[in-house]
Structures are given as C-alpha cells and as structure tokens.
Amino acid sequence: MIAPRRFLPSVNALLAFEAVARLGSATLAAQELSLTQSAISRQLKTLEAQLNVALLDRQGRQLVLTEAGKSYVIQVRDVLNRLAQASITARTNPIAGALNLAILPGFGMHWLAPRLRDFAQSHPEVTVNLSTRLHPFSFQNSPFDAAIHFGKEDWPGVRYLPLMPETVVPVCAPELLTEPLEDPSQILRYALLHLETRPRGWSRWLSALGVTQEPPAGMMFDQFSTMAQAAVHGLGVALLPTFSAEPYLRDGQLVLASTQTTQSIGNYYLVWPEDRAETAALQSFKTWLDAQTGQVL
C-alpha cells in the first residue's frame, strides 16, 4: 500500500530540495532546473510545510542542511535515482523491462554467459544487462536488480535463491605434470596459485583430503581467468571451479594436477533486495535460473 498522500511530496519539490542541498544556493538550483529563484523558494517552503520540519538554514548567502535535511536528502536522492531508472526501463522495454544483474567474473563468463542464449530465446521481452562486481554492495545505492553471490548467506538485506555448490579441481600446464597426483600432499611440492576472494582455498582443499600441512604462499590473483592463464603458462597449480577449468581441460591447455576433487565450503546464490517488489523480468530470470541449476549441479 502506498503511503498517505500527505506524506508524498511532489517530484518538483524533491528536485528543488536536492539541487539546493547539493549546490548550497537557490539561485544556482534555479539555473540548473531552468526555474526562477522564487519558484525554488516556493517549492522549499511547501516541502518544509508538508513535512513540518526545517530542512535548510540560511548562513549568509549559503543555504545549509539541518540535521533532518542531511538525513532526508540521502533518501531523496535514492528515490529520485530509482524513479529515473524505472522510467528508463519502462521506455526501453515497455513489456517487461531490463534486468540489471551484477555477476562474478568466472561464474558469469564460464557458466552463465553460455546459457543466456536459452534465456533470451525463452524470454525475448527481457533484456539482461551484466556488470562485474567482486564483493557484496548496497542495492539501495546501485542500479542492480539482482546479483550472483558466492559464499554463505551473509549479504544483509537480500533474499536468496541457492544455485549450486562450487566444486574445485587443481589444474596445471601439461609440462608441469604428466599424470595427476594420487597423493594430494604431493601437490605441496609445486608452486600454488591463490585467489584473493578464496585466501583459504588451498587449505580447505587439503584439509578435506586429510592433509594438515599448510600450503605455501604464492602468487595472488583477483580473478579466476587471470589465475588460469598463469597456470597455462606454467607458473604453478591453480584451484579452479569445474566450470572455469573445463574449457582449458577440453582444449588441452591445462591438465588435472590431482585425481581428487572436493566441494568448496561456499555456494553460489542469486540475491535480490528484500525491500523491493520483484519485477516480471526478475521473476522470469529466477524461474529459468532455478531450472538451469537443477539440471547441472
């Protein structure tokens, strides 16, 4: 249910307030919004009267925010940005709109991207826009409708759709090993490549196989793709998700460094903000994604 009308200021009043808060001057705000200074002043007075709270104080020639105004302007900017994004979406795709999705590079490149053609064919009314994000972020201050998350259910303020666990395999260049190692502890004889977002990856892999010795430090990478390329060029053994390793294994650029594979302690999820209504585009994508991960775990 939408709030009572008396608590809903006009968009013009909010635009005037945001501009004055940012520029510190009714004159500059009027120039930016192509209005007169008196029109800006009227909008501000109407807004403060409607809220029954002072939002701005005059200090000399400057208009400065009160404490209430500082808090209010943050939320006003978020509302205006979301309204503008919704309007853009409605204009570019009036049937179902766009789905702005934040993805993890490895998952997006090797697992999601090859399957998106199927989604596009099933849902031509939805445009999926992809951008890379490595860490959780605030949906409130972003244009994203949903994101791919790896780890645990520790992203505040979101809902979760579990997708799959991450199964990892150790891989290396063919010249480094002619045969996969039977004893997982023997992998400690080789240079190990590490991922920033999985700093304990090798420790967990070894521990799951009964090896208590800590792995040595080694080269650190921020993405699976760059770590895989380092492995291709013989710089060490990389621990890759199966979907990232498979293209390299298929082409012979990498080989298995061990006969052992284990599941990581983390899982992949689709997450979306719990305080927003789900769009038709997001609902279609969720249903499709759930079916895809049900087929391939």
C-alpha atoms as a PDB file:
ATOM      1  CA  MET A   1       0.000   0.000   0.000  1.00  0.00           C
ATOM      2  CA  ILE A   2       1.308   3.468  -0.923  1.00  0.00           C
ATOM      3  CA  ALA A   3       1.712   5.922   1.964  1.00  0.00           C
ATOM      4  CA  PRO A   4      -0.992   8.579   2.531  1.00  0.00           C
ATOM      5  CA  ARG A   5      -0.815  11.412   0.023  1.00  0.00           C
ATOM      6  CA  ARG A   6       0.075  13.989   2.660  1.00  0.00           C
ATOM      7  CA  PHE A   7       3.432  12.224   3.080  1.00  0.00           C
ATOM      8  CA  LEU A   8       4.192  12.220  -0.660  1.00  0.00           C
ATOM      9  CA  PRO A   9       5.869  15.475  -1.763  1.00  0.00           C
ATOM     10  CA  SER A  10       5.816  16.441  -5.414  1.00  0.00           C
ATOM     11  CA  VAL A  11       8.750  15.407  -7.591  1.00  0.00           C
ATOM     12  CA  ASN A  12       9.372  19.087  -8.402  1.00  0.00           C
ATOM     13  CA  ALA A  13       9.738  19.889  -4.703  1.00  0.00           C
ATOM     14  CA  LEU A  14      12.158  16.999  -4.210  1.00  0.00           C
ATOM     15  CA  LEU A  15      14.216  18.051  -7.245  1.00  0.00           C
ATOM     16  CA  ALA A  16      14.397  21.610  -5.944  1.00  0.00           C
ATOM     17  CA  PHE A  17      15.433  20.445  -2.473  1.00  0.00           C
ATOM     18  CA  GLU A  18      18.093  18.052  -3.827  1.00  0.00           C
ATOM     19  CA  ALA A  19      19.582  20.728  -6.076  1.00  0.00           C
ATOM     20  CA  VAL A  20      19.729  23.332  -3.277  1.00  0.00           C
ATOM     21  CA  ALA A  21      21.234  20.756  -0.888  1.00  0.00           C
ATOM     22  CA  ARG A  22      23.937  19.950  -3.431  1.00  0.00           C
ATOM     23  CA  LEU A  23      24.648  23.477  -4.673  1.00  0.00           C
ATOM     24  CA  GLY A  24      24.011  25.449  -1.475  1.00  0.00           C
ATOM     25  CA  SER A  25      22.109  28.148  -3.329  1.00  0.00           C
ATOM     26  CA  ALA A  26      18.557  28.703  -4.554  1.00  0.00           C
ATOM     27  CA  THR A  27      19.948  30.831  -7.391  1.00  0.00           C
ATOM     28  CA  LEU A  28      22.226  28.044  -8.661  1.00  0.00           C
ATOM     29  CA  ALA A  29      19.468  25.470  -8.235  1.00  0.00           C
ATOM     30  CA  ALA A  30      17.114  27.682 -10.256  1.00  0.00           C
ATOM     31  CA  GLN A  31      19.680  27.928 -13.063  1.00  0.00           C
ATOM     32  CA  GLU A  32      20.189  24.174 -13.128  1.00  0.00           C
ATOM     33  CA  LEU A  33      16.471  23.395 -13.166  1.00  0.00           C
ATOM     34  CA  SER A  34      15.557  26.253 -15.541  1.00  0.00           C
ATOM     35  CA  LEU A  35      13.273  27.854 -12.950  1.00  0.00           C
ATOM     36  CA  THR A  36      13.147  31.211 -11.187  1.00  0.00           C
ATOM     37  CA  GLN A  37      14.662  31.676  -7.754  1.00  0.00           C
ATOM     38  CA  SER A  38      11.213  32.464  -6.344  1.00  0.00           C
ATOM     39  CA  ALA A  39       9.859  29.184  -7.763  1.00  0.00           C
ATOM     40  CA  ILE A  40      12.629  27.264  -5.988  1.00  0.00           C
ATOM     41  CA  SER A  41      11.888  29.093  -2.743  1.00  0.00           C
ATOM     42  CA  ARG A  42       8.179  28.280  -3.019  1.00  0.00           C
ATOM     43  CA  GLN A  43       8.939  24.596  -3.568  1.00  0.00           C
ATOM     44  CA  LEU A  44      11.185  24.524  -0.495  1.00  0.00           C
ATOM     45  CA  LYS A  45       8.615  26.263   1.696  1.00  0.00           C
ATOM     46  CA  THR A  46       5.891  23.891   0.513  1.00  0.00           C
ATOM     47  CA  LEU A  47       8.084  20.868   1.227  1.00  0.00           C
ATOM     48  CA  GLU A  48       9.016  22.010   4.729  1.00  0.00           C
ATOM     49  CA  ALA A  49       5.393  22.862   5.488  1.00  0.00           C
ATOM     50  CA  GLN A  50       4.244  19.463   4.269  1.00  0.00           C
ATOM     51  CA  LEU A  51       6.832  17.664   6.424  1.00  0.00           C
ATOM     52  CA  ASN A  52       6.505  20.125   9.312  1.00  0.00           C
ATOM     53  CA  VAL A  53      10.287  20.146   9.726  1.00  0.00           C
ATOM     54  CA  ALA A  54      13.088  22.578   8.819  1.00  0.00           C
ATOM     55  CA  LEU A  55      15.373  21.107   6.153  1.00  0.00           C
ATOM     56  CA  LEU A  56      17.572  24.121   5.367  1.00  0.00           C
ATOM     57  CA  ASP A  57      19.117  27.016   7.291  1.00  0.00           C
ATOM     58  CA  ARG A  58      20.427  30.227   5.782  1.00  0.00           C
ATOM     59  CA  GLN A  59      24.002  31.107   6.748  1.00  0.00           C
ATOM     60  CA  GLY A  60      24.993  34.306   4.993  1.00  0.00           C
ATOM     61  CA  ARG A  61      24.397  33.689   1.299  1.00  0.00           C
ATOM     62  CA  GLN A  62      24.517  29.939   1.670  1.00  0.00           C
ATOM     63  CA  LEU A  63      21.672  27.521   2.354  1.00  0.00           C
ATOM     64  CA  VAL A  64      22.925  24.650   4.525  1.00  0.00           C
ATOM     65  CA  LEU A  65      21.199  21.444   5.528  1.00  0.00           C
ATOM     66  CA  THR A  66      19.838  20.935   9.011  1.00  0.00           C
ATOM     67  CA  GLU A  67      20.423  17.562  10.662  1.00  0.00           C
ATOM     68  CA  ALA A  68      16.991  16.477   9.464  1.00  0.00           C
ATOM     69  CA  GLY A  69      17.830  17.738   5.975  1.00  0.00           C
ATOM     70  CA  LYS A  70      21.112  15.778   5.863  1.00  0.00           C
ATOM     71  CA  SER A  71      19.295  12.557   6.591  1.00  0.00           C
ATOM     72  CA  TYR A  72      16.388  13.334   4.283  1.00  0.00           C
ATOM     73  CA  VAL A  73      18.464  14.265   1.228  1.00  0.00           C
ATOM     74  CA  ILE A  74      20.193  10.859   1.190  1.00  0.00           C
ATOM     75  CA  GLN A  75      16.852   9.097   0.902  1.00  0.00           C
ATOM     76  CA  VAL A  76      15.518  11.652  -1.585  1.00  0.00           C
ATOM     77  CA  ARG A  77      18.480  11.043  -3.920  1.00  0.00           C
ATOM     78  CA  ASP A  78      17.927   7.299  -3.746  1.00  0.00           C
ATOM     79  CA  VAL A  79      14.209   7.708  -4.549  1.00  0.00           C
ATOM     80  CA  LEU A  80      14.915  10.054  -7.477  1.00  0.00           C
ATOM     81  CA  ASN A  81      17.599   7.743  -8.887  1.00  0.00           C
ATOM     82  CA  ARG A  82      15.332   4.717  -8.643  1.00  0.00           C
ATOM     83  CA  LEU A  83      12.449   6.619 -10.236  1.00  0.00           C
ATOM     84  CA  ALA A  84      14.687   7.695 -13.118  1.00  0.00           C
ATOM     85  CA  GLN A  85      15.945   4.121 -13.598  1.00  0.00           C
ATOM     86  CA  ALA A  86      12.384   2.788 -13.593  1.00  0.00           C
ATOM     87  CA  SER A  87      11.398   5.360 -16.205  1.00  0.00           C
ATOM     88  CA  ILE A  88      14.354   4.431 -18.423  1.00  0.00           C
ATOM     89  CA  THR A  89      13.462   0.755 -18.111  1.00  0.00           C
ATOM     90  CA  ALA A  90       9.821   1.407 -18.975  1.00  0.00           C
ATOM     91  CA  ARG A  91      10.825   3.403 -22.020  1.00  0.00           C
ATOM     92  CA  THR A  92      13.413   0.956 -23.387  1.00  0.00           C
ATOM     93  CA  ASN A  93      11.341  -2.178 -22.804  1.00  0.00           C
ATOM     94  CA  PRO A  94       7.687  -1.433 -22.018  1.00  0.00           C
ATOM     95  CA  ILE A  95       6.629  -5.105 -21.913  1.00  0.00           C
ATOM     96  CA  ALA A  96       8.905  -6.480 -19.178  1.00  0.00           C
ATOM     97  CA  GLY A  97      11.903  -4.202 -18.924  1.00  0.00           C
ATOM     98  CA  ALA A  98      15.571  -4.792 -18.305  1.00  0.00           C
ATOM     99  CA  LEU A  99      17.193  -6.922 -15.657  1.00  0.00           C
ATOM    100  CA  ASN A 100      20.385  -5.327 -14.340  1.00  0.00           C
ATOM    101  CA  LEU A 101      22.489  -8.164 -12.936  1.00  0.00           C
ATOM    102  CA  ALA A 102      25.803  -7.966 -11.063  1.00  0.00           C
ATOM    103  CA  ILE A 103      27.905 -11.055 -11.757  1.00  0.00           C
ATOM    104  CA  LEU A 104      31.119 -12.663 -10.560  1.00  0.00           C
ATOM    105  CA  PRO A 105      33.597 -12.793 -13.479  1.00  0.00           C
ATOM    106  CA  GLY A 106      34.331 -16.537 -13.520  1.00  0.00           C
ATOM    107  CA  PHE A 107      30.738 -17.640 -12.977  1.00  0.00           C
ATOM    108  CA  GLY A 108      29.458 -15.090 -15.467  1.00  0.00           C
ATOM    109  CA  MET A 109      31.968 -15.928 -18.208  1.00  0.00           C
ATOM    110  CA  HIS A 110      32.095 -19.706 -17.985  1.00  0.00           C
ATOM    111  CA  TRP A 111      28.707 -20.736 -16.572  1.00  0.00           C
ATOM    112  CA  LEU A 112      26.092 -18.028 -17.100  1.00  0.00           C
ATOM    113  CA  ALA A 113      27.071 -16.485 -20.447  1.00  0.00           C
ATOM    114  CA  PRO A 114      26.952 -19.746 -22.453  1.00  0.00           C
ATOM    115  CA  ARG A 115      23.394 -20.350 -21.180  1.00  0.00           C
ATOM    116  CA  LEU A 116      21.978 -16.843 -21.643  1.00  0.00           C
ATOM    117  CA  ARG A 117      21.027 -17.533 -25.247  1.00  0.00           C
ATOM    118  CA  ASP A 118      18.471 -20.019 -23.959  1.00  0.00           C
ATOM    119  CA  PHE A 119      17.007 -17.392 -21.634  1.00  0.00           C
ATOM    120  CA  ALA A 120      16.910 -14.819 -24.438  1.00  0.00           C
ATOM    121  CA  GLN A 121      15.043 -17.243 -26.678  1.00  0.00           C
ATOM    122  CA  SER A 122      12.589 -18.147 -23.910  1.00  0.00           C
ATOM    123  CA  HIS A 123      12.072 -14.556 -22.760  1.00  0.00           C
ATOM    124  CA  PRO A 124      12.661 -12.143 -25.665  1.00  0.00           C
ATOM    125  CA  GLU A 125      10.776  -9.469 -23.725  1.00  0.00           C
ATOM    126  CA  VAL A 126      13.577  -9.250 -21.113  1.00  0.00           C
ATOM    127  CA  THR A 127      16.916  -7.528 -21.682  1.00  0.00           C
ATOM    128  CA  VAL A 128      19.658  -8.750 -19.332  1.00  0.00           C
ATOM    129  CA  ASN A 129      22.426  -6.226 -18.607  1.00  0.00           C
ATOM    130  CA  LEU A 130      25.567  -7.641 -16.968  1.00  0.00           C
ATOM    131  CA  SER A 131      28.205  -5.849 -14.879  1.00  0.00           C
ATOM    132  CA  THR A 132      31.002  -7.309 -12.777  1.00  0.00           C
ATOM    133  CA  ARG A 133      31.115  -6.918  -9.004  1.00  0.00           C
ATOM    134  CA  LEU A 134      33.541  -8.912  -6.838  1.00  0.00           C
ATOM    135  CA  HIS A 135      32.071  -8.133  -3.421  1.00  0.00           C
ATOM    136  CA  PRO A 136      28.630  -7.520  -1.848  1.00  0.00           C
ATOM    137  CA  PHE A 137      27.345  -3.969  -2.201  1.00  0.00           C
ATOM    138  CA  SER A 138      24.343  -1.887  -1.171  1.00  0.00           C
ATOM    139  CA  PHE A 139      21.419  -2.406  -3.542  1.00  0.00           C
ATOM    140  CA  GLN A 140      19.945   0.833  -2.230  1.00  0.00           C
ATOM    141  CA  ASN A 141      22.684   2.884  -3.894  1.00  0.00           C
ATOM    142  CA  SER A 142      23.087   0.830  -7.068  1.00  0.00           C
ATOM    143  CA  PRO A 143      21.189   0.274 -10.333  1.00  0.00           C
ATOM    144  CA  PHE A 144      21.153  -3.518  -9.905  1.00  0.00           C
ATOM    145  CA  ASP A 145      18.043  -5.653  -9.590  1.00  0.00           C
ATOM    146  CA  ALA A 146      19.915  -8.789  -8.512  1.00  0.00           C
ATOM    147  CA  ALA A 147      23.406 -10.231  -8.169  1.00  0.00           C
ATOM    148  CA  ILE A 148      25.339 -13.504  -8.188  1.00  0.00           C
ATOM    149  CA  HIS A 149      26.863 -14.128  -4.772  1.00  0.00           C
ATOM    150  CA  PHE A 150      29.402 -16.718  -3.647  1.00  0.00           C
ATOM    151  CA  GLY A 151      29.977 -17.806  -0.064  1.00  0.00           C
ATOM    152  CA  LYS A 152      27.416 -18.012   2.699  1.00  0.00           C
ATOM    153  CA  GLU A 153      24.062 -16.327   3.313  1.00  0.00           C
ATOM    154  CA  ASP A 154      25.791 -13.277   4.773  1.00  0.00           C
ATOM    155  CA  TRP A 155      24.662 -10.461   2.449  1.00  0.00           C
ATOM    156  CA  PRO A 156      22.450  -8.123   4.509  1.00  0.00           C
ATOM    157  CA  GLY A 157      19.001  -7.102   3.309  1.00  0.00           C
ATOM    158  CA  VAL A 158      18.614  -9.629   0.487  1.00  0.00           C
ATOM    159  CA  ARG A 159      16.672 -12.764  -0.411  1.00  0.00           C
ATOM    160  CA  TYR A 160      18.462 -15.875  -1.671  1.00  0.00           C
ATOM    161  CA  LEU A 161      17.963 -18.441  -4.408  1.00  0.00           C
ATOM    162  CA  PRO A 162      20.573 -21.227  -3.882  1.00  0.00           C
ATOM    163  CA  LEU A 163      22.153 -22.174  -7.203  1.00  0.00           C
ATOM    164  CA  MET A 164      24.968 -24.686  -6.722  1.00  0.00           C
ATOM    165  CA  PRO A 165      27.983 -25.544  -4.592  1.00  0.00           C
ATOM    166  CA  GLU A 166      31.394 -24.769  -6.030  1.00  0.00           C
ATOM    167  CA  THR A 167      33.322 -27.936  -6.913  1.00  0.00           C
ATOM    168  CA  VAL A 168      37.009 -27.197  -7.449  1.00  0.00           C
ATOM    169  CA  VAL A 169      39.791 -29.046  -9.259  1.00  0.00           C
ATOM    170  CA  PRO A 170      43.562 -28.453  -9.194  1.00  0.00           C
ATOM    171  CA  VAL A 171      44.955 -27.876 -12.679  1.00  0.00           C
ATOM    172  CA  CYS A 172      48.316 -27.036 -14.233  1.00  0.00           C
ATOM    173  CA  ALA A 173      50.139 -26.848 -17.563  1.00  0.00           C
ATOM    174  CA  PRO A 174      50.803 -30.245 -19.234  1.00  0.00           C
ATOM    175  CA  GLU A 175      54.578 -29.756 -18.984  1.00  0.00           C
ATOM    176  CA  LEU A 176      54.349 -29.394 -15.209  1.00  0.00           C
ATOM    177  CA  LEU A 177      52.776 -32.836 -14.610  1.00  0.00           C
ATOM    178  CA  THR A 178      52.449 -35.758 -16.983  1.00  0.00           C
ATOM    179  CA  GLU A 179      49.990 -37.622 -14.736  1.00  0.00           C
ATOM    180  CA  PRO A 180      47.594 -36.498 -11.992  1.00  0.00           C
ATOM    181  CA  LEU A 181      48.958 -36.964  -8.479  1.00  0.00           C
ATOM    182  CA  GLU A 182      47.440 -39.803  -6.475  1.00  0.00           C
ATOM    183  CA  ASP A 183      48.633 -38.437  -3.134  1.00  0.00           C
ATOM    184  CA  PRO A 184      47.163 -34.921  -2.595  1.00  0.00           C
ATOM    185  CA  SER A 185      50.005 -33.988  -0.211  1.00  0.00           C
ATOM    186  CA  GLN A 186      52.449 -34.182  -3.131  1.00  0.00           C
ATOM    187  CA  ILE A 187      50.906 -31.037  -4.579  1.00  0.00           C
ATOM    188  CA  LEU A 188      52.760 -29.087  -1.885  1.00  0.00           C
ATOM    189  CA  ARG A 189      55.962 -29.674  -3.872  1.00  0.00           C
ATOM    190  CA  TYR A 190      54.707 -27.303  -6.558  1.00  0.00           C
ATOM    191  CA  ALA A 191      54.055 -23.564  -6.706  1.00  0.00           C
ATOM    192  CA  LEU A 192      50.432 -22.923  -5.775  1.00  0.00           C
ATOM    193  CA  LEU A 193      48.405 -20.052  -7.210  1.00  0.00           C
ATOM    194  CA  HIS A 194      45.921 -18.254  -4.937  1.00  0.00           C
ATOM    195  CA  LEU A 195      42.740 -16.198  -5.402  1.00  0.00           C
ATOM    196  CA  GLU A 196      42.117 -13.055  -3.338  1.00  0.00           C
ATOM    197  CA  THR A 197      38.480 -13.926  -2.653  1.00  0.00           C
ATOM    198  CA  ARG A 198      39.404 -17.524  -1.668  1.00  0.00           C
ATOM    199  CA  PRO A 199      42.517 -16.967   0.514  1.00  0.00           C
ATOM    200  CA  ARG A 200      41.928 -20.267   2.343  1.00  0.00           C
ATOM    201  CA  GLY A 201      41.027 -22.213  -0.779  1.00  0.00           C
ATOM    202  CA  TRP A 202      44.080 -24.459  -0.835  1.00  0.00           C
ATOM    203  CA  SER A 203      43.960 -25.010   2.942  1.00  0.00           C
ATOM    204  CA  ARG A 204      40.346 -26.176   2.732  1.00  0.00           C
ATOM    205  CA  TRP A 205      41.034 -28.417  -0.259  1.00  0.00           C
ATOM    206  CA  LEU A 206      43.953 -30.088   1.503  1.00  0.00           C
ATOM    207  CA  SER A 207      42.126 -30.370   4.828  1.00  0.00           C
ATOM    208  CA  ALA A 208      39.142 -32.059   3.171  1.00  0.00           C
ATOM    209  CA  LEU A 209      41.572 -34.711   1.903  1.00  0.00           C
ATOM    210  CA  GLY A 210      43.223 -35.239   5.280  1.00  0.00           C
ATOM    211  CA  VAL A 211      46.340 -33.133   4.685  1.00  0.00           C
ATOM    212  CA  THR A 212      47.031 -30.956   7.727  1.00  0.00           C
ATOM    213  CA  GLN A 213      50.136 -29.171   6.412  1.00  0.00           C
ATOM    214  CA  GLU A 214      49.520 -25.548   5.458  1.00  0.00           C
ATOM    215  CA  PRO A 215      50.132 -24.676   1.798  1.00  0.00           C
ATOM    216  CA  PRO A 216      52.953 -22.293   0.933  1.00  0.00           C
ATOM    217  CA  ALA A 217      52.283 -18.690  -0.053  1.00  0.00           C
ATOM    218  CA  GLY A 218      52.282 -17.985  -3.760  1.00  0.00           C
ATOM    219  CA  MET A 219      51.149 -15.638  -6.487  1.00  0.00           C
ATOM    220  CA  MET A 220      47.805 -13.950  -5.763  1.00  0.00           C
ATOM    221  CA  PHE A 221      45.139 -13.132  -8.358  1.00  0.00           C
ATOM    222  CA  ASP A 222      41.851 -11.227  -8.266  1.00  0.00           C
ATOM    223  CA  GLN A 223      40.048 -13.341 -10.898  1.00  0.00           C
ATOM    224  CA  PHE A 224      39.920 -16.969 -11.966  1.00  0.00           C
ATOM    225  CA  SER A 225      40.625 -16.042 -15.585  1.00  0.00           C
ATOM    226  CA  THR A 226      43.993 -14.424 -14.860  1.00  0.00           C
ATOM    227  CA  MET A 227      44.954 -17.241 -12.493  1.00  0.00           C
ATOM    228  CA  ALA A 228      44.058 -19.802 -15.175  1.00  0.00           C
ATOM    229  CA  GLN A 229      46.251 -18.011 -17.690  1.00  0.00           C
ATOM    230  CA  ALA A 230      49.131 -18.045 -15.215  1.00  0.00           C
ATOM    231  CA  ALA A 231      48.665 -21.800 -14.855  1.00  0.00           C
ATOM    232  CA  VAL A 232      48.589 -22.207 -18.653  1.00  0.00           C
ATOM    233  CA  HIS A 233      51.984 -20.515 -18.812  1.00  0.00           C
ATOM    234  CA  GLY A 234      53.450 -22.877 -16.237  1.00  0.00           C
ATOM    235  CA  LEU A 235      53.600 -20.557 -13.223  1.00  0.00           C
ATOM    236  CA  GLY A 236      52.011 -23.081 -10.855  1.00  0.00           C
ATOM    237  CA  VAL A 237      48.956 -25.120  -9.927  1.00  0.00           C
ATOM    238  CA  ALA A 238      45.587 -23.332  -9.853  1.00  0.00           C
ATOM    239  CA  LEU A 239      42.489 -24.381  -7.934  1.00  0.00           C
ATOM    240  CA  LEU A 240      39.583 -23.651 -10.292  1.00  0.00           C
ATOM    241  CA  PRO A 241      35.838 -24.285 -10.232  1.00  0.00           C
ATOM    242  CA  THR A 242      34.921 -27.062 -12.610  1.00  0.00           C
ATOM    243  CA  PHE A 243      33.037 -24.688 -14.921  1.00  0.00           C
ATOM    244  CA  SER A 244      36.129 -22.445 -15.200  1.00  0.00           C
ATOM    245  CA  ALA A 245      38.553 -25.337 -15.663  1.00  0.00           C
ATOM    246  CA  GLU A 246      36.531 -27.328 -18.213  1.00  0.00           C
ATOM    247  CA  PRO A 247      37.285 -25.202 -21.338  1.00  0.00           C
ATOM    248  CA  TYR A 248      41.021 -25.309 -20.614  1.00  0.00           C
ATOM    249  CA  LEU A 249      40.958 -29.049 -19.922  1.00  0.00           C
ATOM    250  CA  ARG A 250      38.959 -29.702 -23.083  1.00  0.00           C
ATOM    251  CA  ASP A 251      41.439 -27.739 -25.216  1.00  0.00           C
ATOM    252  CA  GLY A 252      44.454 -29.360 -23.569  1.00  0.00           C
ATOM    253  CA  GLN A 253      45.840 -26.075 -22.262  1.00  0.00           C
ATOM    254  CA  LEU A 254      45.566 -27.423 -18.706  1.00  0.00           C
ATOM    255  CA  VAL A 255      45.527 -30.903 -17.186  1.00  0.00           C
ATOM    256  CA  LEU A 256      44.335 -32.237 -13.836  1.00  0.00           C
ATOM    257  CA  ALA A 257      47.058 -31.954 -11.209  1.00  0.00           C
ATOM    258  CA  SER A 258      45.339 -34.417  -8.863  1.00  0.00           C
ATOM    259  CA  THR A 259      42.810 -37.205  -9.071  1.00  0.00           C
ATOM    260  CA  GLN A 260      40.956 -35.597  -6.156  1.00  0.00           C
ATOM    261  CA  THR A 261      38.173 -33.023  -6.372  1.00  0.00           C
ATOM    262  CA  THR A 262      36.272 -31.581  -3.430  1.00  0.00           C
ATOM    263  CA  GLN A 263      33.425 -29.180  -2.843  1.00  0.00           C
ATOM    264  CA  SER A 264      34.267 -25.738  -1.556  1.00  0.00           C
ATOM    265  CA  ILE A 265      32.650 -24.555   1.674  1.00  0.00           C
ATOM    266  CA  GLY A 266      30.845 -21.893  -0.362  1.00  0.00           C
ATOM    267  CA  ASN A 267      27.803 -21.874  -2.607  1.00  0.00           C
ATOM    268  CA  TYR A 268      26.551 -19.699  -5.426  1.00  0.00           C
ATOM    269  CA  TYR A 269      23.321 -17.765  -4.936  1.00  0.00           C
ATOM    270  CA  LEU A 270      21.137 -15.352  -6.811  1.00  0.00           C
ATOM    271  CA  VAL A 271      20.346 -12.498  -4.421  1.00  0.00           C
ATOM    272  CA  TRP A 272      17.962  -9.551  -4.717  1.00  0.00           C
ATOM    273  CA  PRO A 273      16.849  -6.779  -2.313  1.00  0.00           C
ATOM    274  CA  GLU A 274      14.169  -7.865   0.129  1.00  0.00           C
ATOM    275  CA  ASP A 275      12.643  -4.383   0.346  1.00  0.00           C
ATOM    276  CA  ARG A 276      11.711  -4.146  -3.347  1.00  0.00           C
ATOM    277  CA  ALA A 277       8.847  -5.689  -5.243  1.00  0.00           C
ATOM    278  CA  GLU A 278      10.066  -8.284  -7.730  1.00  0.00           C
ATOM    279  CA  THR A 279       9.698  -7.235 -11.355  1.00  0.00           C
ATOM    280  CA  ALA A 280       8.353  -9.577 -14.012  1.00  0.00           C
ATOM    281  CA  ALA A 281      11.860  -9.700 -15.515  1.00  0.00           C
ATOM    282  CA  LEU A 282      13.396 -10.843 -12.224  1.00  0.00           C
ATOM    283  CA  GLN A 283      10.702 -13.457 -11.673  1.00  0.00           C
ATOM    284  CA  SER A 284      11.258 -14.885 -15.156  1.00  0.00           C
ATOM    285  CA  PHE A 285      15.021 -14.972 -14.641  1.00  0.00           C
ATOM    286  CA  LYS A 286      14.697 -16.650 -11.239  1.00  0.00           C
ATOM    287  CA  THR A 287      12.462 -19.384 -12.618  1.00  0.00           C
ATOM    288  CA  TRP A 288      14.785 -20.001 -15.560  1.00  0.00           C
ATOM    289  CA  LEU A 289      17.945 -19.957 -13.410  1.00  0.00           C
ATOM    290  CA  ASP A 290      16.447 -22.362 -10.884  1.00  0.00           C
ATOM    291  CA  ALA A 291      15.677 -24.801 -13.697  1.00  0.00           C
ATOM    292  CA  GLN A 292      19.176 -24.475 -15.141  1.00  0.00           C
ATOM    293  CA  THR A 293      20.954 -25.173 -11.867  1.00  0.00           C
ATOM    294  CA  GLY A 294      18.614 -28.055 -11.167  1.00  0.00           C
ATOM    295  CA  GLN A 295      19.904 -29.674 -14.354  1.00  0.00           C
ATOM    296  CA  VAL A 296      23.604 -29.080 -13.767  1.00  0.00           C
ATOM    297  CA  LEU A 297      24.973 -29.192 -10.208  1.00  0.00           C
END
